[in-house]
C-alpha atoms as a PDB file:
ATOM      1  CA  VAL A   1       0.000   0.000   0.000  1.00  0.00           C
ATOM      2  CA  ILE A   2       1.361   3.392  -1.002  1.00  0.00           C
ATOM      3  CA  MET A   3      -0.517   6.505   0.113  1.00  0.00           C
ATOM      4  CA  THR A   4       0.050  10.127  -0.947  1.00  0.00           C
ATOM      5  CA  PRO A   5      -1.519  12.652   1.431  1.00  0.00           C
ATOM      6  CA  ALA A   6      -2.401  16.145   0.290  1.00  0.00           C
ATOM      7  CA  ASP A   7      -1.546  17.778   3.619  1.00  0.00           C
ATOM      8  CA  ALA A   8      -0.370  17.086   7.168  1.00  0.00           C
ATOM      9  CA  ASP A   9      -3.882  16.296   8.402  1.00  0.00           C
ATOM     10  CA  GLU A  10      -4.379  13.690   5.690  1.00  0.00           C
ATOM     11  CA  ALA A  11      -0.876  12.321   6.431  1.00  0.00           C
ATOM     12  CA  ARG A  12      -1.942  11.723  10.032  1.00  0.00           C
ATOM     13  CA  CYS A  13      -5.096   9.960   8.842  1.00  0.00           C
ATOM     14  CA  MET A  14      -3.069   7.838   6.444  1.00  0.00           C
ATOM     15  CA  LEU A  15      -0.647   6.843   9.183  1.00  0.00           C
ATOM     16  CA  THR A  16      -3.707   5.568  11.051  1.00  0.00           C
ATOM     17  CA  THR A  17      -4.899   3.786   7.888  1.00  0.00           C
ATOM     18  CA  GLY A  18      -1.477   2.173   7.450  1.00  0.00           C
ATOM     19  CA  PHE A  19      -1.403   1.074  11.084  1.00  0.00           C
ATOM     20  CA  GLN A  20      -4.827  -0.564  10.728  1.00  0.00           C
ATOM     21  CA  HIS A  21      -3.899  -2.281   7.433  1.00  0.00           C
ATOM     22  CA  ASP A  22      -2.835  -5.926   7.690  1.00  0.00           C
ATOM     23  CA  GLY A  23       0.321  -5.692   5.599  1.00  0.00           C
ATOM     24  CA  PRO A  24       3.075  -3.324   4.578  1.00  0.00           C
ATOM     25  CA  SER A  25       2.159   0.284   3.862  1.00  0.00           C
ATOM     26  CA  ALA A  26       3.968   3.525   3.133  1.00  0.00           C
ATOM     27  CA  VAL A  27       2.994   7.187   3.308  1.00  0.00           C
ATOM     28  CA  ARG A  28       4.833   9.322   0.731  1.00  0.00           C
ATOM     29  CA  TYR A  29       5.063  12.889   2.036  1.00  0.00           C
ATOM     30  CA  PRO A  30       7.730  15.409   0.962  1.00  0.00           C
ATOM     31  CA  ARG A  31       9.580  17.658   3.375  1.00  0.00           C
ATOM     32  CA  GLY A  32       8.281  21.166   3.905  1.00  0.00           C
ATOM     33  CA  SER A  33       4.740  20.387   2.812  1.00  0.00           C
ATOM     34  CA  ALA A  34       2.774  21.229   5.929  1.00  0.00           C
ATOM     35  CA  SER A  35       0.012  23.727   5.208  1.00  0.00           C
ATOM     36  CA  GLY A  36       0.035  25.344   8.631  1.00  0.00           C
ATOM     37  CA  LYS A  37      -3.434  23.980   9.344  1.00  0.00           C
ATOM     38  CA  PRO A  38      -3.208  21.880  12.518  1.00  0.00           C
ATOM     39  CA  PRO A  39      -4.090  18.215  12.027  1.00  0.00           C
ATOM     40  CA  ARG A  40      -7.123  16.823  13.816  1.00  0.00           C
ATOM     41  CA  THR A  41      -6.405  15.268  17.188  1.00  0.00           C
ATOM     42  CA  GLU A  42      -8.463  12.076  16.819  1.00  0.00           C
ATOM     43  CA  LEU A  43      -6.985   9.112  14.946  1.00  0.00           C
ATOM     44  CA  THR A  44      -9.172   8.762  11.856  1.00  0.00           C
ATOM     45  CA  ALA A  45      -8.504   6.473   8.896  1.00  0.00           C
ATOM     46  CA  VAL A  46      -9.296   7.357   5.270  1.00  0.00           C
ATOM     47  CA  ASP A  47     -11.452   5.118   3.076  1.00  0.00           C
ATOM     48  CA  PHE A  48      -9.006   2.433   1.995  1.00  0.00           C
ATOM     49  CA  GLY A  49      -8.037   2.646  -1.673  1.00  0.00           C
ATOM     50  CA  LYS A  50     -10.560   5.385  -2.455  1.00  0.00           C
ATOM     51  CA  ALA A  51      -9.991   8.705  -4.173  1.00  0.00           C
ATOM     52  CA  GLU A  52     -11.917  11.824  -3.237  1.00  0.00           C
ATOM     53  CA  LEU A  53     -13.735  13.846  -5.895  1.00  0.00           C
ATOM     54  CA  CYS A  54     -13.068  17.435  -4.775  1.00  0.00           C
ATOM     55  CA  ARG A  55     -14.604  19.253  -7.721  1.00  0.00           C
ATOM     56  CA  LYS A  56     -16.790  18.242 -10.679  1.00  0.00           C
ATOM     57  CA  GLY A  57     -15.961  19.957 -13.947  1.00  0.00           C
ATOM     58  CA  SER A  58     -16.135  19.196 -17.646  1.00  0.00           C
ATOM     59  CA  LYS A  59     -13.793  17.938 -20.365  1.00  0.00           C
ATOM     60  CA  LEU A  60     -10.668  17.966 -18.146  1.00  0.00           C
ATOM     61  CA  ALA A  61      -9.888  15.907 -15.043  1.00  0.00           C
ATOM     62  CA  LEU A  62      -6.920  16.469 -12.739  1.00  0.00           C
ATOM     63  CA  LEU A  63      -5.853  13.318 -10.873  1.00  0.00           C
ATOM     64  CA  VAL A  64      -3.604  14.544  -8.067  1.00  0.00           C
ATOM     65  CA  PHE A  65      -1.354  12.316  -5.986  1.00  0.00           C
ATOM     66  CA  GLY A  66      -0.097  14.227  -2.953  1.00  0.00           C
ATOM     67  CA  THR A  67       0.710  17.741  -1.867  1.00  0.00           C
ATOM     68  CA  LEU A  68       0.151  19.546  -5.170  1.00  0.00           C
ATOM     69  CA  LEU A  69      -3.610  19.348  -4.563  1.00  0.00           C
ATOM     70  CA  SER A  70      -3.887  23.000  -3.455  1.00  0.00           C
ATOM     71  CA  SER A  71      -2.116  24.170  -6.645  1.00  0.00           C
ATOM     72  CA  ALA A  72      -4.283  21.860  -8.724  1.00  0.00           C
ATOM     73  CA  ARG A  73      -7.416  23.272  -7.074  1.00  0.00           C
ATOM     74  CA  LYS A  74      -6.542  26.734  -8.431  1.00  0.00           C
ATOM     75  CA  ILE A  75      -6.015  25.263 -11.907  1.00  0.00           C
ATOM     76  CA  ALA A  76      -9.281  23.300 -11.723  1.00  0.00           C
ATOM     77  CA  ASP A  77     -11.191  26.457 -10.817  1.00  0.00           C
ATOM     78  CA  GLN A  78      -9.665  28.382 -13.745  1.00  0.00           C
ATOM     79  CA  LEU A  79     -10.243  25.621 -16.320  1.00  0.00           C
ATOM     80  CA  ASP A  80     -13.546  24.208 -15.013  1.00  0.00           C
ATOM     81  CA  ALA A  81     -11.832  20.861 -14.455  1.00  0.00           C
ATOM     82  CA  SER A  82     -12.813  17.938 -12.279  1.00  0.00           C
ATOM     83  CA  LEU A  83     -10.379  17.480  -9.408  1.00  0.00           C
ATOM     84  CA  TYR A  84      -9.594  14.132  -7.806  1.00  0.00           C
ATOM     85  CA  ASN A  85      -7.476  13.728  -4.680  1.00  0.00           C
ATOM     86  CA  MET A  86      -6.288  10.226  -5.616  1.00  0.00           C
ATOM     87  CA  ARG A  87      -4.750   9.468  -2.176  1.00  0.00           C
ATOM     88  CA  PHE A  88      -3.516   5.968  -3.115  1.00  0.00           C
ATOM     89  CA  VAL A  89      -0.856   4.998  -5.655  1.00  0.00           C
ATOM     90  CA  LYS A  90      -1.327   1.375  -4.657  1.00  0.00           C
ATOM     91  CA  PRO A  91      -4.043   0.254  -4.773  1.00  0.00           C
ATOM     92  CA  LEU A  92      -5.262   2.671  -7.435  1.00  0.00           C
ATOM     93  CA  ASP A  93      -8.893   3.675  -7.266  1.00  0.00           C
ATOM     94  CA  GLU A  94      -9.827   2.051 -10.571  1.00  0.00           C
ATOM     95  CA  GLN A  95     -13.429   3.252 -10.308  1.00  0.00           C
ATOM     96  CA  ALA A  96     -12.295   6.895 -10.067  1.00  0.00           C
ATOM     97  CA  ILE A  97      -9.951   6.467 -13.043  1.00  0.00           C
ATOM     98  CA  MET A  98     -12.675   4.793 -15.103  1.00  0.00           C
ATOM     99  CA  SER A  99     -15.164   7.535 -14.224  1.00  0.00           C
ATOM    100  CA  ALA A 100     -12.647  10.267 -15.068  1.00  0.00           C
ATOM    101  CA  ALA A 101     -11.771   8.586 -18.386  1.00  0.00           C
ATOM    102  CA  ASP A 102     -15.436   8.116 -19.329  1.00  0.00           C
ATOM    103  CA  ASP A 103     -16.475  11.686 -18.507  1.00  0.00           C
ATOM    104  CA  HIS A 104     -13.494  13.758 -19.722  1.00  0.00           C
ATOM    105  CA  ASP A 105     -11.518  14.409 -22.909  1.00  0.00           C
ATOM    106  CA  LEU A 106      -8.168  14.848 -21.138  1.00  0.00           C
ATOM    107  CA  LEU A 107      -6.781  13.381 -17.919  1.00  0.00           C
ATOM    108  CA  VAL A 108      -3.841  15.079 -16.206  1.00  0.00           C
ATOM    109  CA  THR A 109      -1.952  13.231 -13.486  1.00  0.00           C
ATOM    110  CA  ILE A 110      -0.028  15.447 -11.087  1.00  0.00           C
ATOM    111  CA  GLU A 111       2.493  14.135  -8.591  1.00  0.00           C
ATOM    112  CA  GLU A 112       5.490  15.308  -6.612  1.00  0.00           C
ATOM    113  CA  ASN A 113       7.429  12.209  -7.646  1.00  0.00           C
ATOM    114  CA  ALA A 114       9.389  10.835 -10.610  1.00  0.00           C
ATOM    115  CA  LEU A 115       7.262  10.205 -13.681  1.00  0.00           C
ATOM    116  CA  ALA A 116       9.127   6.992 -14.558  1.00  0.00           C
ATOM    117  CA  GLY A 117       7.423   4.271 -12.546  1.00  0.00           C
ATOM    118  CA  GLY A 118       5.270   6.783 -10.673  1.00  0.00           C
ATOM    119  CA  ALA A 119       1.558   7.160 -10.065  1.00  0.00           C
ATOM    120  CA  GLY A 120       0.874   8.674 -13.490  1.00  0.00           C
ATOM    121  CA  SER A 121       2.631   5.727 -15.075  1.00  0.00           C
ATOM    122  CA  ALA A 122       0.371   3.377 -13.101  1.00  0.00           C
ATOM    123  CA  VAL A 123      -2.691   5.262 -14.380  1.00  0.00           C
ATOM    124  CA  ASN A 124      -1.360   4.960 -17.963  1.00  0.00           C
ATOM    125  CA  GLU A 125      -0.864   1.205 -17.515  1.00  0.00           C
ATOM    126  CA  TRP A 126      -4.350   0.751 -16.091  1.00  0.00           C
ATOM    127  CA  LEU A 127      -5.946   2.701 -18.954  1.00  0.00           C
ATOM    128  CA  ALA A 128      -4.014   0.668 -21.557  1.00  0.00           C
ATOM    129  CA  ALA A 129      -4.779  -2.666 -19.887  1.00  0.00           C
ATOM    130  CA  ASN A 130      -8.479  -1.805 -19.831  1.00  0.00           C
ATOM    131  CA  GLY A 131      -8.726  -0.570 -23.413  1.00  0.00           C
ATOM    132  CA  ARG A 132      -9.333   3.070 -22.496  1.00  0.00           C
ATOM    133  CA  HIS A 133      -8.057   5.406 -25.177  1.00  0.00           C
ATOM    134  CA  THR A 134      -8.164   8.674 -23.252  1.00  0.00           C
ATOM    135  CA  GLU A 135      -5.798  11.582 -23.830  1.00  0.00           C
ATOM    136  CA  ILE A 136      -3.446  11.812 -20.876  1.00  0.00           C
ATOM    137  CA  LEU A 137      -0.784  14.231 -19.669  1.00  0.00           C
ATOM    138  CA  ASN A 138       1.557  13.242 -16.835  1.00  0.00           C
ATOM    139  CA  LEU A 139       3.153  15.982 -14.728  1.00  0.00           C
ATOM    140  CA  GLY A 140       5.905  15.106 -12.259  1.00  0.00           C
ATOM    141  CA  PHE A 141       9.678  15.007 -11.788  1.00  0.00           C
ATOM    142  CA  PRO A 142      12.046  14.024 -14.575  1.00  0.00           C
ATOM    143  CA  ASP A 143      14.001  10.804 -14.062  1.00  0.00           C
ATOM    144  CA  THR A 144      17.249  12.635 -13.289  1.00  0.00           C
ATOM    145  CA  TYR A 145      19.395  13.522 -10.325  1.00  0.00           C
ATOM    146  CA  ALA A 146      17.703  16.209  -8.230  1.00  0.00           C
ATOM    147  CA  GLY A 147      19.713  19.331  -7.539  1.00  0.00           C
ATOM    148  CA  GLN A 148      19.533  21.417  -4.406  1.00  0.00           C
ATOM    149  CA  GLY A 149      17.053  24.140  -3.552  1.00  0.00           C
ATOM    150  CA  THR A 150      13.981  24.968  -1.595  1.00  0.00           C
ATOM    151  CA  GLN A 151      10.830  23.023  -2.307  1.00  0.00           C
ATOM    152  CA  ALA A 152       9.404  25.995  -4.253  1.00  0.00           C
ATOM    153  CA  GLU A 153      12.614  26.337  -6.320  1.00  0.00           C
ATOM    154  CA  MET A 154      12.635  22.641  -7.205  1.00  0.00           C
ATOM    155  CA  LEU A 155       8.947  22.613  -8.131  1.00  0.00           C
ATOM    156  CA  SER A 156       9.519  25.624 -10.375  1.00  0.00           C
ATOM    157  CA  GLU A 157      12.573  24.017 -11.993  1.00  0.00           C
ATOM    158  CA  TRP A 158      10.531  20.898 -12.792  1.00  0.00           C
ATOM    159  CA  GLY A 159       7.507  22.842 -14.069  1.00  0.00           C
ATOM    160  CA  LEU A 160       5.321  21.913 -11.112  1.00  0.00           C
ATOM    161  CA  ASP A 161       4.558  25.415  -9.877  1.00  0.00           C
ATOM    162  CA  THR A 162       0.946  26.502 -10.399  1.00  0.00           C
ATOM    163  CA  GLU A 163       1.629  28.899 -13.288  1.00  0.00           C
ATOM    164  CA  THR A 164       3.759  26.467 -15.300  1.00  0.00           C
ATOM    165  CA  MET A 165       1.353  23.560 -14.764  1.00  0.00           C
ATOM    166  CA  LEU A 166      -1.534  25.769 -15.905  1.00  0.00           C
ATOM    167  CA  LYS A 167       0.336  26.773 -19.069  1.00  0.00           C
ATOM    168  CA  THR A 168       1.370  23.177 -19.819  1.00  0.00           C
ATOM    169  CA  ILE A 169      -2.235  21.996 -19.471  1.00  0.00           C
ATOM    170  CA  GLN A 170      -3.577  24.899 -21.561  1.00  0.00           C
ATOM    171  CA  ASP A 171      -1.009  24.111 -24.283  1.00  0.00           C
ATOM    172  CA  ARG A 172      -2.081  20.447 -24.315  1.00  0.00           C
ATOM    173  CA  LEU A 173      -5.744  21.443 -24.474  1.00  0.00           C
ATOM    174  CA  ALA A 174      -4.975  23.713 -27.443  1.00  0.00           C
ATOM    175  CA  ASP A 175      -3.044  20.896 -29.169  1.00  0.00           C
ATOM    176  CA  THR A 176      -5.893  18.467 -28.541  1.00  0.00           C
ATOM    177  CA  LYS A 177      -8.452  20.874 -29.996  1.00  0.00           C
ATOM    178  CA  SER A 178      -6.356  21.608 -33.101  1.00  0.00           C
ATOM    179  CA  SER A 179      -5.650  17.915 -33.777  1.00  0.00           C
ATOM    180  CA  ASN A 180      -9.366  17.088 -33.488  1.00  0.00           C
ATOM    181  CA  CYS A 181     -10.198  19.639 -36.202  1.00  0.00           C
ATOM    182  CA  GLN A 182      -8.079  17.949 -38.881  1.00  0.00           C
END
């Protein structure tokens, strides 16, 4: 089991989920990601293996694994996109992926992790294995050695700051529209 919390409160809940799970589990949470909002005091588990639909939109779905959820929320509001807090890399919420693929023209996976072998890659594999031919864009780290810098500097360098992600998604949407007209 691999979980990717969006914030410190969800990390605490996922630690509880992992403790209650009968088997190995991991919580992937990058340094410096606390939102400042204090976590709840009670030990509450999340629904095992289930994503959370945070916003219903049209044509575009953002599938977010981890702490970039707040940035993705801003993008979803600007582009009228559906927003999923995926929460689990393993097991994937196949129902959420299927629903997103059925209802949207473009899926965008967003993760603060390497793209090669990451959550977006797992979504791609699931879509291919299930015969879903949905346009997909994966946003994450390149498969290279990471330099040094603050979290904000590294996200910017990798194109995972809000402004760059928005532009990348808008460019893909424009490409998708122009290729559909031919």
